PDB file of N, CA and C in Angstrom:
ATOM      1  N   MET A   1      81.032 114.713 100.098  1.00  0.00           N
ATOM      2  CA  MET A   1      80.793 114.303  98.726  1.00  0.00           C
ATOM      3  C   MET A   1      79.835 113.110  98.740  1.00  0.00           C
ATOM      4  N   HIS A   2      78.579 113.352  98.353  1.00  0.00           N
ATOM      5  CA  HIS A   2      77.601 112.278  98.387  1.00  0.00           C
ATOM      6  C   HIS A   2      77.790 111.285  97.255  1.00  0.00           C
ATOM      7  N   GLU A   3      78.568 111.626  96.252  1.00  0.00           N
ATOM      8  CA  GLU A   3      78.829 110.703  95.152  1.00  0.00           C
ATOM      9  C   GLU A   3      79.533 109.442  95.644  1.00  0.00           C
ATOM     10  N   LEU A   4      80.392 109.566  96.644  1.00  0.00           N
ATOM     11  CA  LEU A   4      81.078 108.394  97.184  1.00  0.00           C
ATOM     12  C   LEU A   4      80.083 107.451  97.859  1.00  0.00           C
ATOM     13  N   SER A   5      79.158 107.998  98.624  1.00  0.00           N
ATOM     14  CA  SER A   5      78.163 107.130  99.273  1.00  0.00           C
ATOM     15  C   SER A   5      77.231 106.513  98.232  1.00  0.00           C
ATOM     16  N   LEU A   6      76.938 107.226  97.156  1.00  0.00           N
ATOM     17  CA  LEU A   6      76.152 106.629  96.078  1.00  0.00           C
ATOM     18  C   LEU A   6      76.913 105.479  95.416  1.00  0.00           C
ATOM     19  N   ALA A   7      78.202 105.663  95.209  1.00  0.00           N
ATOM     20  CA  ALA A   7      79.025 104.603  94.627  1.00  0.00           C
ATOM     21  C   ALA A   7      79.091 103.398  95.553  1.00  0.00           C
ATOM     22  N   GLN A   8      79.216 103.632  96.852  1.00  0.00           N
ATOM     23  CA  GLN A   8      79.242 102.529  97.816  1.00  0.00           C
ATOM     24  C   GLN A   8      77.917 101.769  97.800  1.00  0.00           C
ATOM     25  N   GLY A   9      76.808 102.502  97.701  1.00  0.00           N
ATOM     26  CA  GLY A   9      75.505 101.859  97.615  1.00  0.00           C
ATOM     27  C   GLY A   9      75.359 101.025  96.349  1.00  0.00           C
ATOM     28  N   LEU A  10      75.894 101.527  95.252  1.00  0.00           N
ATOM     29  CA  LEU A  10      75.843 100.798  93.992  1.00  0.00           C
ATOM     30  C   LEU A  10      76.656  99.512  94.098  1.00  0.00           C
ATOM     31  N   ILE A  11      77.833  99.588  94.693  1.00  0.00           N
ATOM     32  CA  ILE A  11      78.672  98.399  94.851  1.00  0.00           C
ATOM     33  C   ILE A  11      77.939  97.368  95.701  1.00  0.00           C
ATOM     34  N   SER A  12      77.298  97.785  96.757  1.00  0.00           N
ATOM     35  CA  SER A  12      76.526  96.857  97.601  1.00  0.00           C
ATOM     36  C   SER A  12      75.428  96.177  96.788  1.00  0.00           C
ATOM     37  N   GLN A  13      74.743  96.945  95.983  1.00  0.00           N
ATOM     38  CA  GLN A  13      73.677  96.393  95.140  1.00  0.00           C
ATOM     39  C   GLN A  13      74.246  95.394  94.137  1.00  0.00           C
ATOM     40  N   LEU A  14      75.406  95.706  93.578  1.00  0.00           N
ATOM     41  CA  LEU A  14      76.036  94.805  92.613  1.00  0.00           C
ATOM     42  C   LEU A  14      76.475  93.504  93.268  1.00  0.00           C
ATOM     43  N   LYS A  15      77.013  93.585  94.485  1.00  0.00           N
ATOM     44  CA  LYS A  15      77.396  92.364  95.212  1.00  0.00           C
ATOM     45  C   LYS A  15      76.189  91.478  95.430  1.00  0.00           C
ATOM     46  N   GLU A  16      75.066  92.080  95.808  1.00  0.00           N
ATOM     47  CA  GLU A  16      73.842  91.326  96.031  1.00  0.00           C
ATOM     48  C   GLU A  16      73.361  90.682  94.739  1.00  0.00           C
ATOM     49  N   LEU A  17      73.364  91.441  93.655  1.00  0.00           N
ATOM     50  CA  LEU A  17      72.947  90.880  92.357  1.00  0.00           C
ATOM     51  C   LEU A  17      73.845  89.728  91.929  1.00  0.00           C
ATOM     52  N   ALA A  18      75.132  89.868  92.115  1.00  0.00           N
ATOM     53  CA  ALA A  18      76.065  88.806  91.749  1.00  0.00           C
ATOM     54  C   ALA A  18      75.757  87.538  92.556  1.00  0.00           C
ATOM     55  N   GLY A  19      75.469  87.703  93.836  1.00  0.00           N
ATOM     56  CA  GLY A  19      75.132  86.548  94.663  1.00  0.00           C
ATOM     57  C   GLY A  19      73.855  85.871  94.222  1.00  0.00           C
ATOM     58  N   VAL A  20      72.831  86.654  93.935  1.00  0.00           N
ATOM     59  CA  VAL A  20      71.540  86.105  93.497  1.00  0.00           C
ATOM     60  C   VAL A  20      71.706  85.317  92.203  1.00  0.00           C
ATOM     61  N   HIS A  21      72.522  85.831  91.305  1.00  0.00           N
ATOM     62  CA  HIS A  21      72.691  85.206  89.983  1.00  0.00           C
ATOM     63  C   HIS A  21      73.896  84.268  89.915  1.00  0.00           C
ATOM     64  N   LYS A  22      74.537  84.059  91.067  1.00  0.00           N
ATOM     65  CA  LYS A  22      75.704  83.175  91.165  1.00  0.00           C
ATOM     66  C   LYS A  22      76.807  83.556  90.161  1.00  0.00           C
ATOM     67  N   ALA A  23      76.986  84.845  89.997  1.00  0.00           N
ATOM     68  CA  ALA A  23      78.019  85.362  89.109  1.00  0.00           C
ATOM     69  C   ALA A  23      79.299  85.561  89.905  1.00  0.00           C
ATOM     70  N   THR A  24      80.408  85.345  89.271  1.00  0.00           N
ATOM     71  CA  THR A  24      81.690  85.534  89.925  1.00  0.00           C
ATOM     72  C   THR A  24      82.329  86.866  89.557  1.00  0.00           C
ATOM     73  N   ARG A  25      81.791  87.500  88.495  1.00  0.00           N
ATOM     74  CA  ARG A  25      82.429  88.718  88.016  1.00  0.00           C
ATOM     75  C   ARG A  25      81.395  89.628  87.364  1.00  0.00           C
ATOM     76  N   ILE A  26      81.431  90.892  87.729  1.00  0.00           N
ATOM     77  CA  ILE A  26      80.640  91.929  87.071  1.00  0.00           C
ATOM     78  C   ILE A  26      81.533  92.546  85.998  1.00  0.00           C
ATOM     79  N   VAL A  27      81.056  92.552  84.778  1.00  0.00           N
ATOM     80  CA  VAL A  27      81.859  93.043  83.662  1.00  0.00           C
ATOM     81  C   VAL A  27      81.573  94.515  83.379  1.00  0.00           C
ATOM     82  N   THR A  28      80.296  94.835  83.231  1.00  0.00           N
ATOM     83  CA  THR A  28      79.882  96.191  82.865  1.00  0.00           C
ATOM     84  C   THR A  28      78.688  96.615  83.707  1.00  0.00           C
ATOM     85  N   VAL A  29      78.724  97.865  84.135  1.00  0.00           N
ATOM     86  CA  VAL A  29      77.613  98.447  84.890  1.00  0.00           C
ATOM     87  C   VAL A  29      77.192  99.715  84.140  1.00  0.00           C
ATOM     88  N   ARG A  30      75.919  99.722  83.729  1.00  0.00           N
ATOM     89  CA  ARG A  30      75.399 100.892  83.019  1.00  0.00           C
ATOM     90  C   ARG A  30      74.384 101.591  83.901  1.00  0.00           C
ATOM     91  N   VAL A  31      74.591 102.878  84.110  1.00  0.00           N
ATOM     92  CA  VAL A  31      73.660 103.663  84.918  1.00  0.00           C
ATOM     93  C   VAL A  31      73.237 104.893  84.130  1.00  0.00           C
ATOM     94  N   ASN A  32      72.020 105.332  84.422  1.00  0.00           N
ATOM     95  CA  ASN A  32      71.511 106.576  83.873  1.00  0.00           C
ATOM     96  C   ASN A  32      71.499 107.592  85.003  1.00  0.00           C
ATOM     97  N   VAL A  33      72.066 108.749  84.739  1.00  0.00           N
ATOM     98  CA  VAL A  33      72.107 109.820  85.730  1.00  0.00           C
ATOM     99  C   VAL A  33      71.324 111.006  85.182  1.00  0.00           C
ATOM    100  N   GLY A  34      70.315 111.405  85.917  1.00  0.00           N
ATOM    101  CA  GLY A  34      69.512 112.554  85.515  1.00  0.00           C
ATOM    102  C   GLY A  34      70.306 113.841  85.622  1.00  0.00           C
ATOM    103  N   THR A  35      70.099 114.722  84.666  1.00  0.00           N
ATOM    104  CA  THR A  35      70.826 115.992  84.649  1.00  0.00           C
ATOM    105  C   THR A  35      70.474 116.866  85.849  1.00  0.00           C
ATOM    106  N   MET A  36      69.323 116.611  86.461  1.00  0.00           N
ATOM    107  CA  MET A  36      68.884 117.391  87.621  1.00  0.00           C
ATOM    108  C   MET A  36      69.098 116.625  88.924  1.00  0.00           C
ATOM    109  N   ALA A  37      69.859 115.527  88.890  1.00  0.00           N
ATOM    110  CA  ALA A  37      70.063 114.686  90.076  1.00  0.00           C
ATOM    111  C   ALA A  37      71.055 115.281  91.063  1.00  0.00           C
ATOM    112  N   GLY A  38      71.814 116.259  90.642  1.00  0.00           N
ATOM    113  CA  GLY A  38      72.805 116.852  91.530  1.00  0.00           C
ATOM    114  C   GLY A  38      74.014 115.970  91.730  1.00  0.00           C
ATOM    115  N   ILE A  39      74.290 115.108  90.774  1.00  0.00           N
ATOM    116  CA  ILE A  39      75.424 114.188  90.872  1.00  0.00           C
ATOM    117  C   ILE A  39      76.521 114.673  89.930  1.00  0.00           C
ATOM    118  N   VAL A  40      77.706 114.833  90.470  1.00  0.00           N
ATOM    119  CA  VAL A  40      78.872 115.193  89.653  1.00  0.00           C
ATOM    120  C   VAL A  40      79.417 113.877  89.092  1.00  0.00           C
ATOM    121  N   ILE A  41      79.268 113.709  87.803  1.00  0.00           N
ATOM    122  CA  ILE A  41      79.589 112.422  87.184  1.00  0.00           C
ATOM    123  C   ILE A  41      81.041 112.042  87.372  1.00  0.00           C
ATOM    124  N   ASP A  42      81.962 112.985  87.242  1.00  0.00           N
ATOM    125  CA  ASP A  42      83.392 112.666  87.449  1.00  0.00           C
ATOM    126  C   ASP A  42      83.643 112.189  88.865  1.00  0.00           C
ATOM    127  N   SER A  43      82.989 112.788  89.841  1.00  0.00           N
ATOM    128  CA  SER A  43      83.164 112.378  91.247  1.00  0.00           C
ATOM    129  C   SER A  43      82.544 111.007  91.489  1.00  0.00           C
ATOM    130  N   PHE A  44      81.398 110.757  90.896  1.00  0.00           N
ATOM    131  CA  PHE A  44      80.744 109.456  91.030  1.00  0.00           C
ATOM    132  C   PHE A  44      81.620 108.360  90.419  1.00  0.00           C
ATOM    133  N   THR A  45      82.154 108.633  89.236  1.00  0.00           N
ATOM    134  CA  THR A  45      83.043 107.667  88.572  1.00  0.00           C
ATOM    135  C   THR A  45      84.288 107.414  89.403  1.00  0.00           C
ATOM    136  N   PHE A  46      84.889 108.480  89.930  1.00  0.00           N
ATOM    137  CA  PHE A  46      86.056 108.342  90.783  1.00  0.00           C
ATOM    138  C   PHE A  46      85.730 107.484  92.009  1.00  0.00           C
ATOM    139  N   GLY A  47      84.604 107.779  92.653  1.00  0.00           N
ATOM    140  CA  GLY A  47      84.200 107.017  93.833  1.00  0.00           C
ATOM    141  C   GLY A  47      83.959 105.561  93.509  1.00  0.00           C
ATOM    142  N   PHE A  48      83.291 105.283  92.399  1.00  0.00           N
ATOM    143  CA  PHE A  48      83.033 103.901  91.979  1.00  0.00           C
ATOM    144  C   PHE A  48      84.359 103.167  91.771  1.00  0.00           C
ATOM    145  N   ASN A  49      85.282 103.780  91.035  1.00  0.00           N
ATOM    146  CA  ASN A  49      86.564 103.140  90.749  1.00  0.00           C
ATOM    147  C   ASN A  49      87.392 102.931  92.013  1.00  0.00           C
ATOM    148  N   ALA A  50      87.268 103.822  92.983  1.00  0.00           N
ATOM    149  CA  ALA A  50      88.000 103.667  94.246  1.00  0.00           C
ATOM    150  C   ALA A  50      87.406 102.545  95.084  1.00  0.00           C
ATOM    151  N   VAL A  51      86.087 102.482  95.176  1.00  0.00           N
ATOM    152  CA  VAL A  51      85.412 101.518  96.035  1.00  0.00           C
ATOM    153  C   VAL A  51      85.394 100.120  95.441  1.00  0.00           C
ATOM    154  N   LYS A  52      85.346 100.009  94.129  1.00  0.00           N
ATOM    155  CA  LYS A  52      85.230  98.690  93.499  1.00  0.00           C
ATOM    156  C   LYS A  52      86.437  97.802  93.781  1.00  0.00           C
ATOM    157  N   THR A  53      87.567  98.385  94.066  1.00  0.00           N
ATOM    158  CA  THR A  53      88.777  97.591  94.314  1.00  0.00           C
ATOM    159  C   THR A  53      88.677  96.753  95.585  1.00  0.00           C
ATOM    160  N   GLU A  54      87.715  97.085  96.448  1.00  0.00           N
ATOM    161  CA  GLU A  54      87.544  96.365  97.715  1.00  0.00           C
ATOM    162  C   GLU A  54      86.654  95.139  97.580  1.00  0.00           C
ATOM    163  N   THR A  55      86.082  94.918  96.397  1.00  0.00           N
ATOM    164  CA  THR A  55      85.114  93.837  96.204  1.00  0.00           C
ATOM    165  C   THR A  55      85.537  93.001  95.004  1.00  0.00           C
ATOM    166  N   ASN A  56      85.837  91.727  95.246  1.00  0.00           N
ATOM    167  CA  ASN A  56      86.375  90.861  94.190  1.00  0.00           C
ATOM    168  C   ASN A  56      85.503  90.806  92.944  1.00  0.00           C
ATOM    169  N   CYS A  57      84.218  90.603  93.074  1.00  0.00           N
ATOM    170  CA  CYS A  57      83.368  90.401  91.886  1.00  0.00           C
ATOM    171  C   CYS A  57      83.184  91.686  91.089  1.00  0.00           C
ATOM    172  N   VAL A  58      83.485  92.826  91.662  1.00  0.00           N
ATOM    173  CA  VAL A  58      83.278  94.118  90.980  1.00  0.00           C
ATOM    174  C   VAL A  58      84.614  94.764  90.575  1.00  0.00           C
ATOM    175  N   ARG A  59      85.690  94.209  91.044  1.00  0.00           N
ATOM    176  CA  ARG A  59      87.011  94.817  90.890  1.00  0.00           C
ATOM    177  C   ARG A  59      87.346  95.273  89.467  1.00  0.00           C
ATOM    178  N   GLU A  60      86.944  94.486  88.462  1.00  0.00           N
ATOM    179  CA  GLU A  60      87.293  94.810  87.073  1.00  0.00           C
ATOM    180  C   GLU A  60      86.139  95.430  86.290  1.00  0.00           C
ATOM    181  N   ALA A  61      85.044  95.744  86.950  1.00  0.00           N
ATOM    182  CA  ALA A  61      83.851  96.260  86.282  1.00  0.00           C
ATOM    183  C   ALA A  61      84.106  97.609  85.633  1.00  0.00           C
ATOM    184  N   GLN A  62      83.514  97.791  84.484  1.00  0.00           N
ATOM    185  CA  GLN A  62      83.571  99.059  83.776  1.00  0.00           C
ATOM    186  C   GLN A  62      82.247  99.779  83.990  1.00  0.00           C
ATOM    187  N   LEU A  63      82.315 101.033  84.392  1.00  0.00           N
ATOM    188  CA  LEU A  63      81.132 101.833  84.623  1.00  0.00           C
ATOM    189  C   LEU A  63      80.854 102.684  83.384  1.00  0.00           C
ATOM    190  N   GLU A  64      79.631 102.572  82.881  1.00  0.00           N
ATOM    191  CA  GLU A  64      79.204 103.379  81.743  1.00  0.00           C
ATOM    192  C   GLU A  64      78.029 104.234  82.190  1.00  0.00           C
ATOM    193  N   ILE A  65      78.150 105.534  82.013  1.00  0.00           N
ATOM    194  CA  ILE A  65      77.125 106.471  82.480  1.00  0.00           C
ATOM    195  C   ILE A  65      76.502 107.189  81.290  1.00  0.00           C
ATOM    196  N   THR A  66      75.180 107.241  81.302  1.00  0.00           N
ATOM    197  CA  THR A  66      74.432 107.996  80.299  1.00  0.00           C
ATOM    198  C   THR A  66      73.673 109.095  81.025  1.00  0.00           C
ATOM    199  N   GLU A  67      73.861 110.311  80.586  1.00  0.00           N
ATOM    200  CA  GLU A  67      73.080 111.425  81.152  1.00  0.00           C
ATOM    201  C   GLU A  67      71.724 111.455  80.491  1.00  0.00           C
ATOM    202  N   VAL A  68      70.689 111.546  81.316  1.00  0.00           N
ATOM    203  CA  VAL A  68      69.301 111.584  80.818  1.00  0.00           C
ATOM    204  C   VAL A  68      68.575 112.741  81.488  1.00  0.00           C
ATOM    205  N   ASP A  69      67.420 113.074  80.957  1.00  0.00           N
ATOM    206  CA  ASP A  69      66.578 114.074  81.604  1.00  0.00           C
ATOM    207  C   ASP A  69      66.070 113.507  82.925  1.00  0.00           C
ATOM    208  N   GLY A  70      65.838 114.377  83.877  1.00  0.00           N
ATOM    209  CA  GLY A  70      65.265 113.926  85.130  1.00  0.00           C
ATOM    210  C   GLY A  70      66.185 114.134  86.303  1.00  0.00           C
ATOM    211  N   ASP A  71      65.767 113.546  87.429  1.00  0.00           N
ATOM    212  CA  ASP A  71      66.523 113.738  88.673  1.00  0.00           C
ATOM    213  C   ASP A  71      66.826 112.425  89.371  1.00  0.00           C
ATOM    214  N   GLU A  72      66.951 111.369  88.601  1.00  0.00           N
ATOM    215  CA  GLU A  72      67.172 110.051  89.198  1.00  0.00           C
ATOM    216  C   GLU A  72      68.525 109.468  88.833  1.00  0.00           C
ATOM    217  N   LEU A  73      68.944 108.521  89.649  1.00  0.00           N
ATOM    218  CA  LEU A  73      70.089 107.673  89.370  1.00  0.00           C
ATOM    219  C   LEU A  73      69.536 106.270  89.203  1.00  0.00           C
ATOM    220  N   ILE A  74      69.654 105.700  88.008  1.00  0.00           N
ATOM    221  CA  ILE A  74      69.012 104.430  87.714  1.00  0.00           C
ATOM    222  C   ILE A  74      70.063 103.425  87.266  1.00  0.00           C
ATOM    223  N   LEU A  75      70.043 102.244  87.877  1.00  0.00           N
ATOM    224  CA  LEU A  75      70.873 101.140  87.429  1.00  0.00           C
ATOM    225  C   LEU A  75      70.157 100.544  86.229  1.00  0.00           C
ATOM    226  N   ALA A  76      70.709 100.743  85.029  1.00  0.00           N
ATOM    227  CA  ALA A  76      70.029 100.363  83.805  1.00  0.00           C
ATOM    228  C   ALA A  76      70.372  98.943  83.368  1.00  0.00           C
ATOM    229  N   GLN A  77      71.622  98.515  83.551  1.00  0.00           N
ATOM    230  CA  GLN A  77      72.022  97.195  83.073  1.00  0.00           C
ATOM    231  C   GLN A  77      73.292  96.756  83.781  1.00  0.00           C
ATOM    232  N   VAL A  78      73.344  95.467  84.068  1.00  0.00           N
ATOM    233  CA  VAL A  78      74.536  94.852  84.643  1.00  0.00           C
ATOM    234  C   VAL A  78      74.868  93.632  83.814  1.00  0.00           C
ATOM    235  N   ILE A  79      76.101  93.576  83.325  1.00  0.00           N
ATOM    236  CA  ILE A  79      76.562  92.411  82.589  1.00  0.00           C
ATOM    237  C   ILE A  79      77.527  91.664  83.504  1.00  0.00           C
ATOM    238  N   MET A  80      77.212  90.395  83.736  1.00  0.00           N
ATOM    239  CA  MET A  80      78.022  89.607  84.656  1.00  0.00           C
ATOM    240  C   MET A  80      78.296  88.226  84.107  1.00  0.00           C
ATOM    241  N   GLU A  81      79.298  87.596  84.659  1.00  0.00           N
ATOM    242  CA  GLU A  81      79.678  86.233  84.279  1.00  0.00           C
ATOM    243  C   GLU A  81      79.665  85.346  85.499  1.00  0.00           C
TER     244      GLU A  81
END
């Protein structure tokens, strides 16, 4: 299931962003998933929710996914404190 590795990569990116911006908590993560990206959204969400528990700053983050045309996975917005 490549969705889990995508979720792990996203968590790594979020940890880096939190460090750069000196944030202690990620509140909301918005991503755009292309309909042709080959990503099963339920599996990606499950993977994100499973992996986020291992990282303090992301532990309570809410993932919001918007399906868009195309074949990309794009980190659209991160709200942090």
